[in-house]
Structure formats: C-alpha cells, structure tokens
Amino acid sequence: MPCRTADGFFDAESGCYLTQVDVPLLMGPHVYYPPGTKYDRCWVILDVVDGKPIGIEKALSVVKPPGETRTIDPRVAAQRVVKTMNFAAPQLGLSPYVQSVDHVGVVNVPVWMWVTDPGATTTGPQTKTAALGGVAITATGTVDRIEWSMGAGKVTCKGAGTPFTRAMASGKSLKEMPASPTCGFRYSKSSRCVTSGSYRVTATAYWNVHWTGGGMQGDIPLDFSRSLPLRITDLRPVLVDPDGGSVPPTSAPRSC
C-alpha cells in the first residue's frame, strides 16, 4: 500500500489514512481537549484491490493527545531501526597465522581464510522489531557474501569459511598442504616487492537487511570491513653435490 494518497498519510496504529483537520467530528457531550491536541479525518482501509486501497471515511475523527508522534514514513522508520542494530566487521583467520611461528605464507601453498568470530553481529542472521512514530518495523539482516581482497587478487566466499588447524599440516610437506574446501587462495608471487613488504588482506561482509512494516517492505544494503597484513615468501632451492662435495652458495639477486 502507498504511504500517502489523496486521503492522507497511512497510520498503522489506527489503520487509517489521516488528514489533519481543525475541528473534530465527535459524538456525544462536549469533551475538553488540552491545547496541542490534534484531530484527523480517518479514511479506513477495507480491502486492497490491484494494489489500490479501498475504504470508507469514518464518522468520528482520530484524536491524538499533545506530544504524540504522528505516523512517519515506514522507510524512515526502517532506517532508524537498522541504525540501532548491532553489526561488526568480522575478525579474520588466515592459515599462515596458525601453521607457522612467524605467520608467513609461502608462494603456491594454499591459504585458508575464515571468520574467527561467526555470530549474529558478524555473519548473521539477526532480527530486530521496534515501533517508531506509530509504525512497527521488523528488520532481519543476513550476510549475502564475504569478499576477500588479498592484495594480489580477490575471492568471493558465501559463508564464514572453514577454520584451519595445525593438525591439518602435521606430517605433510608443503606440496601436500590441502586447499580450503570453502574459502581459499594461492599467491603466485612473494610480497617482498610490495611497498610495505606485506600484502594487505581485507575481508568485507556484505549484508542485506530486509524490513517490513507500515504496509511496506524494502531492503537496506550494508557492508563492514577488516584488514590485516600478510607476508608471503618464496622458498629458494638448495643445491646438493651428489658426490658429497660442497657447493658454493649462489648470490644471484631475486627479481620481482
């Protein structure tokens, strides 16, 4: 239903389209109302046909005491309700931080990414219902996706990812390291040529908050990000003399 028609602005509390009048339509003995009292003509909805409200005007006016808030636009109420909801950027988990002492990843070795604190505030869902200005709003926020900017590429993951543990690397060579089943990445170059010496990893959680209330509904997109540095190194081969002799180390510079 539209918020406003030729018959006024929709008021969820009374179920009417209200138009303010100076003199109320009342029945019975005279009633004293204090200064500031508002009177509204009420056009009450009986049905909705093809998206258009059908109704009739009530014989009596709607009386609102002084200081009472008039019904506000449900879209405005929804924005205000969403602002009171508790959202937070997720804490990030990266496999090099748990599989190596110095938190350094290796070129071509799988990196696992995940959210370390999944829950209502970071990965959803969360719901809040509140009444503002005569409109009851229910808003439910869910995470649509988490986009990981790795500093050398991007990955989009649908969920919080799969946590990596040291046990997954136990007894395995670097070539045997498994890739994440849900959210992973491989670096093809080290980070030594990056200005800071590390790749900047940023995870952005994209939310969609769907709301209903006041005969309307809509969606409000939100996003929250968190970053941390990640150093990636490449392993240089070591030459071994098959006859047992010594091999002088090479001093060839590494290229970027």
Foldseek 3Di string as FASTA:
>chain_A
DDQADPQAGQFQQVQFHWDWDDDWQDDDDDDDADPQKTWTWGWHFDDADPNRTDTGTDRGIDIDHHPQFAADDVVVVVVVQVVPDAAAAFDKDKVLVAQDPVSAAEAQFKIFIFGPDDDCRHADWDWDWDDDRNKIKIKTKGWQWKWKDFQQDIDIFRGRFDDDHNVQCPPHDSVPRDHTPTDIDGHNDWQCPPPVQWRKIKIKTKMWMWMDIPNDIDIDIDIYMDIDTHGYYYDDDDDADPVRDDDDDDPDDDDD
